[in-house]
Amino acid sequence: MATLTRWFGHALLLVRRHKRPYIIINIVYYGLVAASMVYVAGHPALQEALLGQVALSFTEGPLAGVSEAYAGGHVFQAIALTFLVNFFLGSVLVLLAPSLLIPFAGLGIGLIRATLWGLLLAPTTPELQAAMIPHSLTLVVEGQGYILAMLAVWVLGHAFVSPSSVGAASRGAGYVRGLKDACSVFLLVAVVLAVAAVYEALEVIYLVPLLMP
């Protein structure tokens, strides 16, 4: 317990230490979501096409199991699958892994995701307007998980390109230190995405159907 507390304390210290990039990532991420929503409101055909592709991935693609859990009302299964997909696929594999090879790569990928969120979730129809009443909180909380993952990418990249900033004598040592710090931040990512998964499962299964026109 003491070790876990120390790890989380270190993760929070890293967020405070990198407060400026954290704030900038927040502003740009949520700003892109909002700007994309405004844009797609005038181009509904684009949203329709994107939603069609997403629907295919949830019915015939690798995410079919997630869709079945939600459709069947299996709350605990939906929570578990949502967390696993968002953390391991959406954060570790998509954001962190590329950044292990190309510094800061996850930042660009994360901003692409923010743009796609706006294009997909803009409340342009009565159904989406109703769904986004409770789902807006999911967007904010889950988005915060990805923003923290992007901050971890920044921490890793910054330690590599500027090893002296973490007290390292070489880029190699800076990379190792940055990777350790990035893993610490990912503890926060896991907690935030776990909370988001719980809320998303409950709101999609129980709240959204009540609001559908």
N, C-alpha and C. Protein backbone atom coordinates (compact mmCIF):
# COMPACT_ATOMS: atom_id res chain seq x y z
N MET A 1 0.83 -1.20 0.00
CA MET A 1 0.00 0.00 0.00
C MET A 1 0.87 1.25 0.00
N ALA A 2 1.92 1.24 0.80
CA ALA A 2 2.82 2.39 0.87
C ALA A 2 3.52 2.60 -0.46
N THR A 3 3.88 1.50 -1.12
CA THR A 3 4.54 1.59 -2.42
C THR A 3 3.61 2.20 -3.45
N LEU A 4 2.35 1.75 -3.45
CA LEU A 4 1.38 2.28 -4.39
C LEU A 4 1.13 3.76 -4.15
N THR A 5 1.04 4.14 -2.88
CA THR A 5 0.85 5.55 -2.54
C THR A 5 2.03 6.38 -3.02
N ARG A 6 3.23 5.84 -2.86
CA ARG A 6 4.43 6.55 -3.31
C ARG A 6 4.43 6.71 -4.83
N TRP A 7 4.02 5.67 -5.55
CA TRP A 7 3.95 5.73 -7.01
C TRP A 7 2.97 6.81 -7.46
N PHE A 8 1.80 6.84 -6.84
CA PHE A 8 0.80 7.84 -7.23
C PHE A 8 1.27 9.24 -6.85
N GLY A 9 1.93 9.35 -5.72
CA GLY A 9 2.47 10.64 -5.34
C GLY A 9 3.48 11.14 -6.35
N HIS A 10 4.31 10.24 -6.84
CA HIS A 10 5.30 10.62 -7.85
C HIS A 10 4.62 11.01 -9.15
N ALA A 11 3.55 10.27 -9.52
CA ALA A 11 2.81 10.59 -10.75
C ALA A 11 2.20 11.99 -10.67
N LEU A 12 1.60 12.31 -9.53
CA LEU A 12 1.00 13.64 -9.36
C LEU A 12 2.08 14.73 -9.36
N LEU A 13 3.25 14.41 -8.80
CA LEU A 13 4.36 15.36 -8.82
C LEU A 13 4.80 15.65 -10.26
N LEU A 14 4.81 14.61 -11.10
CA LEU A 14 5.19 14.79 -12.49
C LEU A 14 4.19 15.68 -13.23
N VAL A 15 2.90 15.51 -12.93
CA VAL A 15 1.88 16.36 -13.56
C VAL A 15 2.10 17.81 -13.15
N ARG A 16 2.37 18.04 -11.88
CA ARG A 16 2.63 19.41 -11.41
C ARG A 16 3.91 19.97 -12.02
N ARG A 17 4.93 19.12 -12.14
CA ARG A 17 6.21 19.56 -12.70
C ARG A 17 6.06 19.96 -14.17
N HIS A 18 5.16 19.26 -14.86
CA HIS A 18 4.93 19.54 -16.29
C HIS A 18 3.57 20.23 -16.47
N LYS A 19 3.29 21.14 -15.56
CA LYS A 19 1.98 21.80 -15.55
C LYS A 19 1.68 22.54 -16.85
N ARG A 20 2.67 23.24 -17.38
CA ARG A 20 2.43 24.04 -18.59
C ARG A 20 2.07 23.16 -19.79
N PRO A 21 2.85 22.13 -20.14
CA PRO A 21 2.43 21.27 -21.26
C PRO A 21 1.11 20.57 -20.98
N TYR A 22 0.85 20.22 -19.72
CA TYR A 22 -0.43 19.58 -19.38
C TYR A 22 -1.60 20.50 -19.69
N ILE A 23 -1.48 21.76 -19.33
CA ILE A 23 -2.55 22.73 -19.61
C ILE A 23 -2.70 22.94 -21.12
N ILE A 24 -1.58 23.04 -21.81
CA ILE A 24 -1.63 23.25 -23.26
C ILE A 24 -2.29 22.07 -23.95
N ILE A 25 -1.93 20.85 -23.55
CA ILE A 25 -2.54 19.66 -24.16
C ILE A 25 -4.05 19.65 -23.92
N ASN A 26 -4.47 20.02 -22.70
CA ASN A 26 -5.90 20.10 -22.40
C ASN A 26 -6.61 21.07 -23.33
N ILE A 27 -6.06 22.27 -23.46
CA ILE A 27 -6.70 23.30 -24.27
C ILE A 27 -6.78 22.87 -25.73
N VAL A 28 -5.68 22.33 -26.26
CA VAL A 28 -5.67 21.93 -27.67
C VAL A 28 -6.58 20.74 -27.90
N TYR A 29 -6.55 19.76 -27.00
CA TYR A 29 -7.36 18.55 -27.17
C TYR A 29 -8.85 18.87 -27.20
N TYR A 30 -9.33 19.50 -26.13
CA TYR A 30 -10.75 19.80 -26.06
C TYR A 30 -11.14 20.86 -27.09
N GLY A 31 -10.20 21.74 -27.42
CA GLY A 31 -10.46 22.74 -28.45
C GLY A 31 -10.67 22.11 -29.80
N LEU A 32 -9.87 21.08 -30.12
CA LEU A 32 -10.03 20.37 -31.39
C LEU A 32 -11.37 19.62 -31.44
N VAL A 33 -11.76 19.04 -30.30
CA VAL A 33 -13.06 18.36 -30.25
C VAL A 33 -14.17 19.36 -30.59
N ALA A 34 -14.15 20.52 -29.95
CA ALA A 34 -15.17 21.53 -30.17
C ALA A 34 -15.14 22.06 -31.60
N ALA A 35 -13.94 22.36 -32.11
CA ALA A 35 -13.83 22.89 -33.47
C ALA A 35 -14.31 21.88 -34.51
N SER A 36 -14.00 20.61 -34.27
CA SER A 36 -14.45 19.57 -35.21
C SER A 36 -15.95 19.41 -35.18
N MET A 37 -16.55 19.57 -34.01
CA MET A 37 -18.01 19.52 -33.91
C MET A 37 -18.65 20.64 -34.72
N VAL A 38 -18.08 21.83 -34.60
CA VAL A 38 -18.60 22.97 -35.36
C VAL A 38 -18.46 22.73 -36.85
N TYR A 39 -17.31 22.21 -37.26
CA TYR A 39 -17.07 21.96 -38.69
C TYR A 39 -18.04 20.94 -39.26
N VAL A 40 -18.20 19.81 -38.57
CA VAL A 40 -19.01 18.73 -39.13
C VAL A 40 -20.50 19.07 -39.11
N ALA A 41 -20.89 20.06 -38.31
CA ALA A 41 -22.29 20.51 -38.32
C ALA A 41 -22.67 21.02 -39.70
N GLY A 42 -21.70 21.56 -40.42
CA GLY A 42 -21.96 22.03 -41.78
C GLY A 42 -21.65 21.00 -42.84
N HIS A 43 -21.16 19.83 -42.42
CA HIS A 43 -20.82 18.75 -43.36
C HIS A 43 -21.35 17.42 -42.82
N PRO A 44 -22.66 17.29 -42.70
CA PRO A 44 -23.24 16.09 -42.08
C PRO A 44 -22.92 14.79 -42.81
N ALA A 45 -22.66 14.87 -44.11
CA ALA A 45 -22.34 13.65 -44.86
C ALA A 45 -21.04 13.02 -44.36
N LEU A 46 -20.10 13.86 -43.94
CA LEU A 46 -18.83 13.36 -43.41
C LEU A 46 -19.07 12.58 -42.12
N GLN A 47 -19.89 13.13 -41.24
CA GLN A 47 -20.20 12.43 -39.99
C GLN A 47 -20.91 11.11 -40.26
N GLU A 48 -21.85 11.13 -41.19
CA GLU A 48 -22.59 9.91 -41.52
C GLU A 48 -21.66 8.82 -42.01
N ALA A 49 -20.69 9.18 -42.85
CA ALA A 49 -19.75 8.20 -43.37
C ALA A 49 -18.86 7.64 -42.26
N LEU A 50 -18.39 8.51 -41.38
CA LEU A 50 -17.54 8.07 -40.28
C LEU A 50 -18.29 7.17 -39.31
N LEU A 51 -19.53 7.54 -39.00
CA LEU A 51 -20.34 6.70 -38.11
C LEU A 51 -20.58 5.33 -38.70
N GLY A 52 -20.73 5.27 -40.02
CA GLY A 52 -20.90 3.99 -40.69
C GLY A 52 -19.69 3.09 -40.52
N GLN A 53 -18.50 3.68 -40.63
CA GLN A 53 -17.27 2.91 -40.46
C GLN A 53 -17.11 2.44 -39.02
N VAL A 54 -17.46 3.30 -38.07
CA VAL A 54 -17.36 2.92 -36.66
C VAL A 54 -18.34 1.80 -36.35
N ALA A 55 -19.54 1.89 -36.90
CA ALA A 55 -20.55 0.85 -36.68
C ALA A 55 -20.05 -0.50 -37.18
N LEU A 56 -19.36 -0.52 -38.30
CA LEU A 56 -18.82 -1.77 -38.84
C LEU A 56 -17.79 -2.38 -37.89
N SER A 57 -16.94 -1.53 -37.30
CA SER A 57 -15.92 -2.05 -36.40
C SER A 57 -16.52 -2.64 -35.14
N PHE A 58 -17.70 -2.16 -34.75
CA PHE A 58 -18.36 -2.66 -33.55
C PHE A 58 -19.29 -3.84 -33.84
N THR A 59 -19.59 -4.09 -35.10
CA THR A 59 -20.49 -5.20 -35.43
C THR A 59 -19.77 -6.36 -36.10
N GLU A 60 -18.79 -6.02 -36.94
CA GLU A 60 -18.09 -7.06 -37.69
C GLU A 60 -16.59 -7.09 -37.39
N GLY A 61 -16.09 -6.06 -36.74
CA GLY A 61 -14.66 -5.94 -36.50
C GLY A 61 -14.23 -6.45 -35.14
N PRO A 62 -13.03 -6.07 -34.72
CA PRO A 62 -12.47 -6.57 -33.46
C PRO A 62 -13.18 -6.07 -32.21
N LEU A 63 -14.02 -5.04 -32.35
CA LEU A 63 -14.72 -4.50 -31.19
C LEU A 63 -16.14 -5.04 -31.04
N ALA A 64 -16.43 -6.11 -31.79
CA ALA A 64 -17.78 -6.69 -31.75
C ALA A 64 -18.16 -7.15 -30.35
N GLY A 65 -17.18 -7.67 -29.61
CA GLY A 65 -17.46 -8.14 -28.25
C GLY A 65 -17.91 -7.02 -27.33
N VAL A 66 -17.33 -5.84 -27.51
CA VAL A 66 -17.72 -4.67 -26.71
C VAL A 66 -19.16 -4.30 -27.01
N SER A 67 -19.50 -4.26 -28.31
CA SER A 67 -20.86 -3.93 -28.72
C SER A 67 -21.87 -4.91 -28.17
N GLU A 68 -21.53 -6.20 -28.18
CA GLU A 68 -22.44 -7.22 -27.67
C GLU A 68 -22.66 -7.06 -26.16
N ALA A 69 -21.62 -6.70 -25.44
CA ALA A 69 -21.76 -6.49 -23.99
C ALA A 69 -22.73 -5.36 -23.69
N TYR A 70 -22.62 -4.26 -24.46
CA TYR A 70 -23.51 -3.13 -24.26
C TYR A 70 -24.93 -3.47 -24.70
N ALA A 71 -25.05 -4.09 -25.86
CA ALA A 71 -26.38 -4.43 -26.38
C ALA A 71 -27.11 -5.41 -25.46
N GLY A 72 -26.36 -6.30 -24.84
CA GLY A 72 -26.97 -7.29 -23.94
C GLY A 72 -27.19 -6.78 -22.53
N GLY A 73 -26.75 -5.57 -22.25
CA GLY A 73 -26.92 -5.01 -20.92
C GLY A 73 -26.03 -5.64 -19.87
N HIS A 74 -24.90 -6.20 -20.29
CA HIS A 74 -23.97 -6.85 -19.35
C HIS A 74 -23.01 -5.78 -18.80
N VAL A 75 -23.42 -5.16 -17.72
CA VAL A 75 -22.72 -3.98 -17.22
C VAL A 75 -21.27 -4.26 -16.86
N PHE A 76 -21.01 -5.29 -16.08
CA PHE A 76 -19.65 -5.54 -15.62
C PHE A 76 -18.74 -5.94 -16.78
N GLN A 77 -19.29 -6.70 -17.72
CA GLN A 77 -18.50 -7.06 -18.90
C GLN A 77 -18.21 -5.82 -19.74
N ALA A 78 -19.21 -4.95 -19.87
CA ALA A 78 -19.03 -3.71 -20.63
C ALA A 78 -17.97 -2.83 -19.99
N ILE A 79 -17.99 -2.74 -18.65
CA ILE A 79 -16.99 -1.93 -17.95
C ILE A 79 -15.59 -2.49 -18.19
N ALA A 80 -15.44 -3.81 -18.03
CA ALA A 80 -14.13 -4.43 -18.18
C ALA A 80 -13.59 -4.27 -19.60
N LEU A 81 -14.44 -4.54 -20.58
CA LEU A 81 -13.99 -4.46 -21.98
C LEU A 81 -13.69 -3.01 -22.38
N THR A 82 -14.51 -2.09 -21.90
CA THR A 82 -14.27 -0.67 -22.20
C THR A 82 -12.93 -0.22 -21.64
N PHE A 83 -12.65 -0.62 -20.40
CA PHE A 83 -11.37 -0.25 -19.80
C PHE A 83 -10.20 -0.87 -20.54
N LEU A 84 -10.31 -2.15 -20.85
CA LEU A 84 -9.21 -2.85 -21.53
C LEU A 84 -8.92 -2.22 -22.89
N VAL A 85 -9.98 -1.91 -23.65
CA VAL A 85 -9.80 -1.31 -24.97
C VAL A 85 -9.20 0.08 -24.84
N ASN A 86 -9.75 0.90 -23.94
CA ASN A 86 -9.30 2.28 -23.82
C ASN A 86 -7.88 2.38 -23.26
N PHE A 87 -7.55 1.51 -22.30
CA PHE A 87 -6.23 1.61 -21.69
C PHE A 87 -5.16 0.94 -22.54
N PHE A 88 -5.33 -0.33 -22.83
CA PHE A 88 -4.27 -1.06 -23.51
C PHE A 88 -4.20 -0.74 -25.00
N LEU A 89 -5.35 -0.66 -25.66
CA LEU A 89 -5.34 -0.35 -27.09
C LEU A 89 -5.26 1.16 -27.32
N GLY A 90 -6.18 1.91 -26.70
CA GLY A 90 -6.27 3.34 -26.97
C GLY A 90 -5.13 4.15 -26.40
N SER A 91 -4.51 3.69 -25.30
CA SER A 91 -3.46 4.48 -24.64
C SER A 91 -2.07 3.87 -24.81
N VAL A 92 -1.91 2.64 -24.37
CA VAL A 92 -0.58 2.02 -24.40
C VAL A 92 -0.13 1.76 -25.83
N LEU A 93 -0.98 1.07 -26.61
CA LEU A 93 -0.57 0.67 -27.96
C LEU A 93 -0.57 1.84 -28.94
N VAL A 94 -1.61 2.66 -28.90
CA VAL A 94 -1.77 3.72 -29.90
C VAL A 94 -0.97 4.98 -29.56
N LEU A 95 -0.89 5.33 -28.29
CA LEU A 95 -0.22 6.59 -27.92
C LEU A 95 1.22 6.40 -27.42
N LEU A 96 1.42 5.45 -26.52
CA LEU A 96 2.75 5.29 -25.93
C LEU A 96 3.70 4.51 -26.83
N ALA A 97 3.26 3.38 -27.36
CA ALA A 97 4.16 2.52 -28.14
C ALA A 97 4.85 3.25 -29.29
N PRO A 98 4.13 4.01 -30.14
CA PRO A 98 4.84 4.72 -31.21
C PRO A 98 5.86 5.73 -30.69
N SER A 99 5.59 6.28 -29.51
CA SER A 99 6.48 7.29 -28.92
C SER A 99 7.76 6.67 -28.37
N LEU A 100 7.77 5.35 -28.20
CA LEU A 100 9.00 4.68 -27.79
C LEU A 100 10.03 4.69 -28.90
N LEU A 101 9.54 4.78 -30.14
CA LEU A 101 10.42 4.80 -31.30
C LEU A 101 10.61 6.20 -31.87
N ILE A 102 9.53 6.99 -31.89
CA ILE A 102 9.57 8.35 -32.42
C ILE A 102 9.12 9.29 -31.31
N PRO A 103 10.03 10.08 -30.77
CA PRO A 103 9.66 10.98 -29.67
C PRO A 103 8.46 11.86 -30.01
N PHE A 104 7.53 11.93 -29.08
CA PHE A 104 6.35 12.79 -29.16
C PHE A 104 5.31 12.33 -30.19
N ALA A 105 5.49 11.15 -30.81
CA ALA A 105 4.56 10.70 -31.84
C ALA A 105 3.13 10.61 -31.30
N GLY A 106 3.00 10.18 -30.05
CA GLY A 106 1.67 10.03 -29.46
C GLY A 106 0.91 11.33 -29.34
N LEU A 107 1.63 12.45 -29.30
CA LEU A 107 0.93 13.74 -29.22
C LEU A 107 0.13 13.98 -30.49
N GLY A 108 0.75 13.77 -31.64
CA GLY A 108 0.04 13.95 -32.91
C GLY A 108 -1.10 12.98 -33.07
N ILE A 109 -0.87 11.72 -32.67
CA ILE A 109 -1.93 10.71 -32.78
C ILE A 109 -3.10 11.07 -31.87
N GLY A 110 -2.79 11.56 -30.68
CA GLY A 110 -3.85 11.96 -29.76
C GLY A 110 -4.69 13.10 -30.29
N LEU A 111 -4.06 14.04 -30.98
CA LEU A 111 -4.80 15.16 -31.54
C LEU A 111 -5.67 14.73 -32.72
N ILE A 112 -5.21 13.73 -33.45
CA ILE A 112 -6.05 13.15 -34.51
C ILE A 112 -7.30 12.52 -33.90
N ARG A 113 -7.10 11.83 -32.76
CA ARG A 113 -8.25 11.23 -32.07
C ARG A 113 -9.24 12.30 -31.61
N ALA A 114 -8.73 13.40 -31.08
CA ALA A 114 -9.61 14.48 -30.64
C ALA A 114 -10.44 15.00 -31.80
N THR A 115 -9.81 15.15 -32.96
CA THR A 115 -10.53 15.62 -34.15
C THR A 115 -11.62 14.64 -34.55
N LEU A 116 -11.30 13.36 -34.53
CA LEU A 116 -12.28 12.33 -34.90
C LEU A 116 -13.44 12.30 -33.90
N TRP A 117 -13.13 12.49 -32.63
CA TRP A 117 -14.20 12.55 -31.63
C TRP A 117 -15.20 13.64 -31.97
N GLY A 118 -14.68 14.82 -32.29
CA GLY A 118 -15.58 15.93 -32.62
C GLY A 118 -16.41 15.63 -33.84
N LEU A 119 -15.79 15.04 -34.86
CA LEU A 119 -16.51 14.73 -36.09
C LEU A 119 -17.59 13.67 -35.85
N LEU A 120 -17.30 12.72 -34.98
CA LEU A 120 -18.24 11.62 -34.73
C LEU A 120 -19.35 11.99 -33.76
N LEU A 121 -19.03 12.78 -32.75
CA LEU A 121 -19.96 13.00 -31.64
C LEU A 121 -20.70 14.32 -31.68
N ALA A 122 -20.48 15.12 -32.70
CA ALA A 122 -21.22 16.38 -32.80
C ALA A 122 -22.72 16.12 -32.79
N PRO A 123 -23.47 16.79 -31.95
CA PRO A 123 -24.92 16.53 -31.82
C PRO A 123 -25.71 17.13 -32.98
N THR A 124 -25.59 16.52 -34.15
CA THR A 124 -26.22 17.05 -35.36
C THR A 124 -27.59 16.46 -35.64
N THR A 125 -27.98 15.41 -34.90
CA THR A 125 -29.28 14.78 -35.09
C THR A 125 -29.99 14.71 -33.75
N PRO A 126 -31.31 14.54 -33.74
CA PRO A 126 -32.02 14.42 -32.46
C PRO A 126 -31.49 13.27 -31.61
N GLU A 127 -31.11 12.16 -32.25
CA GLU A 127 -30.59 11.01 -31.50
C GLU A 127 -29.26 11.35 -30.83
N LEU A 128 -28.36 11.99 -31.59
CA LEU A 128 -27.07 12.36 -31.02
C LEU A 128 -27.21 13.45 -29.97
N GLN A 129 -28.15 14.36 -30.16
CA GLN A 129 -28.38 15.40 -29.17
C GLN A 129 -28.82 14.80 -27.84
N ALA A 130 -29.70 13.80 -27.91
CA ALA A 130 -30.16 13.14 -26.69
C ALA A 130 -29.03 12.35 -26.05
N ALA A 131 -28.28 11.61 -26.86
CA ALA A 131 -27.21 10.77 -26.34
C ALA A 131 -26.10 11.59 -25.70
N MET A 132 -25.83 12.77 -26.26
CA MET A 132 -24.70 13.57 -25.77
C MET A 132 -25.02 14.28 -24.45
N ILE A 133 -26.27 14.28 -24.02
CA ILE A 133 -26.58 14.88 -22.72
C ILE A 133 -25.80 14.16 -21.61
N PRO A 134 -25.92 12.82 -21.50
CA PRO A 134 -25.09 12.14 -20.49
C PRO A 134 -23.69 11.82 -21.00
N HIS A 135 -23.54 11.65 -22.32
CA HIS A 135 -22.26 11.18 -22.85
C HIS A 135 -21.19 12.27 -22.87
N SER A 136 -21.59 13.52 -22.72
CA SER A 136 -20.61 14.61 -22.67
C SER A 136 -19.64 14.42 -21.51
N LEU A 137 -20.13 13.90 -20.39
CA LEU A 137 -19.25 13.67 -19.25
C LEU A 137 -18.25 12.56 -19.56
N THR A 138 -18.71 11.53 -20.28
CA THR A 138 -17.79 10.48 -20.72
C THR A 138 -16.69 11.07 -21.58
N LEU A 139 -17.08 11.96 -22.49
CA LEU A 139 -16.10 12.59 -23.38
C LEU A 139 -15.06 13.35 -22.58
N VAL A 140 -15.49 14.06 -21.55
CA VAL A 140 -14.56 14.86 -20.74
C VAL A 140 -13.64 13.96 -19.92
N VAL A 141 -14.21 12.97 -19.22
CA VAL A 141 -13.40 12.13 -18.33
C VAL A 141 -12.48 11.21 -19.12
N GLU A 142 -13.03 10.55 -20.14
CA GLU A 142 -12.19 9.67 -20.95
C GLU A 142 -11.13 10.48 -21.69
N GLY A 143 -11.52 11.66 -22.14
CA GLY A 143 -10.55 12.54 -22.78
C GLY A 143 -9.41 12.88 -21.84
N GLN A 144 -9.73 13.07 -20.56
CA GLN A 144 -8.68 13.38 -19.59
C GLN A 144 -7.70 12.21 -19.45
N GLY A 145 -8.22 10.99 -19.56
CA GLY A 145 -7.33 9.83 -19.54
C GLY A 145 -6.34 9.86 -20.69
N TYR A 146 -6.84 10.19 -21.88
CA TYR A 146 -5.96 10.26 -23.05
C TYR A 146 -5.02 11.46 -22.97
N ILE A 147 -5.48 12.53 -22.39
CA ILE A 147 -4.62 13.71 -22.21
C ILE A 147 -3.46 13.37 -21.28
N LEU A 148 -3.74 12.64 -20.21
CA LEU A 148 -2.67 12.22 -19.30
C LEU A 148 -1.70 11.27 -20.01
N ALA A 149 -2.24 10.41 -20.90
CA ALA A 149 -1.37 9.53 -21.68
C ALA A 149 -0.48 10.36 -22.60
N MET A 150 -1.04 11.41 -23.17
CA MET A 150 -0.25 12.31 -24.03
C MET A 150 0.80 13.05 -23.21
N LEU A 151 0.46 13.39 -21.97
CA LEU A 151 1.45 14.02 -21.09
C LEU A 151 2.59 13.06 -20.81
N ALA A 152 2.26 11.78 -20.61
CA ALA A 152 3.30 10.77 -20.41
C ALA A 152 4.23 10.70 -21.61
N VAL A 153 3.65 10.81 -22.81
CA VAL A 153 4.45 10.84 -24.04
C VAL A 153 5.37 12.05 -24.03
N TRP A 154 4.84 13.21 -23.60
CA TRP A 154 5.66 14.42 -23.50
C TRP A 154 6.80 14.22 -22.51
N VAL A 155 6.51 13.65 -21.35
CA VAL A 155 7.52 13.42 -20.32
C VAL A 155 8.64 12.55 -20.87
N LEU A 156 8.28 11.49 -21.58
CA LEU A 156 9.27 10.59 -22.17
C LEU A 156 10.12 11.32 -23.21
N GLY A 157 9.45 12.01 -24.13
CA GLY A 157 10.17 12.69 -25.19
C GLY A 157 11.06 13.81 -24.68
N HIS A 158 10.56 14.57 -23.72
CA HIS A 158 11.33 15.69 -23.18
C HIS A 158 12.58 15.20 -22.46
N ALA A 159 12.47 14.10 -21.72
CA ALA A 159 13.63 13.55 -21.03
C ALA A 159 14.67 13.05 -22.03
N PHE A 160 14.20 12.57 -23.18
CA PHE A 160 15.14 12.07 -24.20
C PHE A 160 15.87 13.20 -24.91
N VAL A 161 15.13 14.22 -25.34
CA VAL A 161 15.76 15.31 -26.10
C VAL A 161 16.51 16.28 -25.18
N SER A 162 16.14 16.31 -23.91
CA SER A 162 16.81 17.20 -22.95
C SER A 162 17.14 16.42 -21.68
N PRO A 163 18.10 15.50 -21.76
CA PRO A 163 18.40 14.64 -20.60
C PRO A 163 18.81 15.41 -19.35
N SER A 164 19.41 16.59 -19.52
CA SER A 164 19.83 17.36 -18.36
C SER A 164 18.64 17.81 -17.51
N SER A 165 17.44 17.89 -18.13
CA SER A 165 16.25 18.32 -17.40
C SER A 165 15.82 17.31 -16.35
N VAL A 166 16.28 16.06 -16.50
CA VAL A 166 15.95 15.02 -15.51
C VAL A 166 17.20 14.53 -14.80
N GLY A 167 18.29 15.32 -14.93
CA GLY A 167 19.52 14.97 -14.24
C GLY A 167 20.28 13.82 -14.86
N ALA A 168 20.03 13.55 -16.15
CA ALA A 168 20.71 12.46 -16.84
C ALA A 168 21.90 13.00 -17.63
N ALA A 169 22.93 12.16 -17.78
CA ALA A 169 24.15 12.61 -18.45
C ALA A 169 24.15 12.33 -19.95
N SER A 170 23.19 11.52 -20.44
CA SER A 170 23.15 11.18 -21.86
C SER A 170 21.72 10.99 -22.30
N ARG A 171 21.51 10.96 -23.62
CA ARG A 171 20.16 10.74 -24.14
C ARG A 171 19.64 9.36 -23.75
N GLY A 172 20.52 8.38 -23.73
CA GLY A 172 20.12 7.04 -23.34
C GLY A 172 19.61 6.99 -21.90
N ALA A 173 20.36 7.64 -21.02
CA ALA A 173 19.94 7.69 -19.61
C ALA A 173 18.67 8.51 -19.46
N GLY A 174 18.57 9.58 -20.25
CA GLY A 174 17.35 10.39 -20.22
C GLY A 174 16.14 9.61 -20.69
N TYR A 175 16.34 8.77 -21.71
CA TYR A 175 15.25 7.94 -22.23
C TYR A 175 14.76 6.98 -21.15
N VAL A 176 15.70 6.34 -20.46
CA VAL A 176 15.32 5.38 -19.41
C VAL A 176 14.56 6.09 -18.29
N ARG A 177 15.07 7.24 -17.87
CA ARG A 177 14.39 8.00 -16.82
C ARG A 177 13.01 8.46 -17.29
N GLY A 178 12.95 8.93 -18.54
CA GLY A 178 11.67 9.38 -19.08
C GLY A 178 10.65 8.26 -19.17
N LEU A 179 11.12 7.07 -19.53
CA LEU A 179 10.21 5.92 -19.63
C LEU A 179 9.66 5.56 -18.25
N LYS A 180 10.52 5.59 -17.24
CA LYS A 180 10.06 5.30 -15.88
C LYS A 180 9.01 6.33 -15.44
N ASP A 181 9.27 7.59 -15.74
CA ASP A 181 8.32 8.64 -15.35
C ASP A 181 7.02 8.51 -16.14
N ALA A 182 7.12 8.15 -17.42
CA ALA A 182 5.92 7.97 -18.24
C ALA A 182 5.06 6.84 -17.67
N CYS A 183 5.71 5.76 -17.23
CA CYS A 183 4.95 4.65 -16.63
C CYS A 183 4.26 5.09 -15.36
N SER A 184 4.88 5.98 -14.60
CA SER A 184 4.25 6.51 -13.39
C SER A 184 2.97 7.28 -13.76
N VAL A 185 3.05 8.13 -14.78
CA VAL A 185 1.88 8.89 -15.21
C VAL A 185 0.78 7.94 -15.69
N PHE A 186 1.17 6.81 -16.26
CA PHE A 186 0.17 5.86 -16.75
C PHE A 186 -0.63 5.23 -15.62
N LEU A 187 -0.15 5.30 -14.39
CA LEU A 187 -0.97 4.88 -13.26
C LEU A 187 -2.21 5.77 -13.16
N LEU A 188 -2.01 7.08 -13.35
CA LEU A 188 -3.14 8.00 -13.34
C LEU A 188 -4.05 7.75 -14.54
N VAL A 189 -3.44 7.45 -15.69
CA VAL A 189 -4.24 7.13 -16.88
C VAL A 189 -5.17 5.96 -16.58
N ALA A 190 -4.64 4.93 -15.95
CA ALA A 190 -5.45 3.74 -15.63
C ALA A 190 -6.61 4.08 -14.71
N VAL A 191 -6.35 4.89 -13.69
CA VAL A 191 -7.41 5.26 -12.75
C VAL A 191 -8.50 6.06 -13.44
N VAL A 192 -8.12 7.06 -14.22
CA VAL A 192 -9.10 7.92 -14.89
C VAL A 192 -9.91 7.12 -15.90
N LEU A 193 -9.27 6.25 -16.66
CA LEU A 193 -9.99 5.46 -17.65
C LEU A 193 -10.88 4.40 -17.00
N ALA A 194 -10.50 3.94 -15.81
CA ALA A 194 -11.37 3.01 -15.08
C ALA A 194 -12.65 3.72 -14.65
N VAL A 195 -12.52 4.94 -14.13
CA VAL A 195 -13.70 5.72 -13.75
C VAL A 195 -14.56 6.01 -14.97
N ALA A 196 -13.92 6.37 -16.07
CA ALA A 196 -14.66 6.65 -17.30
C ALA A 196 -15.40 5.42 -17.80
N ALA A 197 -14.78 4.25 -17.69
CA ALA A 197 -15.40 3.01 -18.15
C ALA A 197 -16.65 2.69 -17.34
N VAL A 198 -16.58 2.89 -16.03
CA VAL A 198 -17.74 2.64 -15.17
C VAL A 198 -18.90 3.56 -15.57
N TYR A 199 -18.60 4.84 -15.69
CA TYR A 199 -19.67 5.79 -16.03
C TYR A 199 -20.21 5.53 -17.43
N GLU A 200 -19.33 5.26 -18.39
CA GLU A 200 -19.79 5.06 -19.77
C GLU A 200 -20.71 3.85 -19.87
N ALA A 201 -20.36 2.77 -19.22
CA ALA A 201 -21.20 1.58 -19.26
C ALA A 201 -22.58 1.86 -18.67
N LEU A 202 -22.61 2.55 -17.55
CA LEU A 202 -23.88 2.85 -16.90
C LEU A 202 -24.73 3.81 -17.73
N GLU A 203 -24.09 4.84 -18.29
CA GLU A 203 -24.89 5.83 -19.03
C GLU A 203 -25.37 5.28 -20.36
N VAL A 204 -24.56 4.48 -21.04
CA VAL A 204 -24.97 3.93 -22.33
C VAL A 204 -26.07 2.89 -22.15
N ILE A 205 -25.93 2.05 -21.15
CA ILE A 205 -26.90 0.96 -20.95
C ILE A 205 -28.19 1.45 -20.31
N TYR A 206 -28.10 2.39 -19.35
CA TYR A 206 -29.29 2.78 -18.60
C TYR A 206 -29.83 4.17 -18.94
N LEU A 207 -28.95 5.15 -19.12
CA LEU A 207 -29.42 6.53 -19.29
C LEU A 207 -29.81 6.85 -20.73
N VAL A 208 -28.95 6.53 -21.66
CA VAL A 208 -29.19 6.90 -23.06
C VAL A 208 -30.52 6.37 -23.59
N PRO A 209 -30.87 5.09 -23.35
CA PRO A 209 -32.17 4.60 -23.85
C PRO A 209 -33.36 5.41 -23.35
N LEU A 210 -33.26 5.97 -22.13
CA LEU A 210 -34.37 6.74 -21.59
C LEU A 210 -34.54 8.08 -22.30
N LEU A 211 -33.46 8.56 -22.93
CA LEU A 211 -33.48 9.88 -23.55
C LEU A 211 -33.71 9.83 -25.06
N MET A 212 -33.71 8.65 -25.62
CA MET A 212 -33.89 8.55 -27.06
C MET A 212 -35.28 9.02 -27.48
N PRO A 213 -35.36 9.86 -28.53
CA PRO A 213 -36.66 10.39 -28.99
C PRO A 213 -37.50 9.29 -29.64
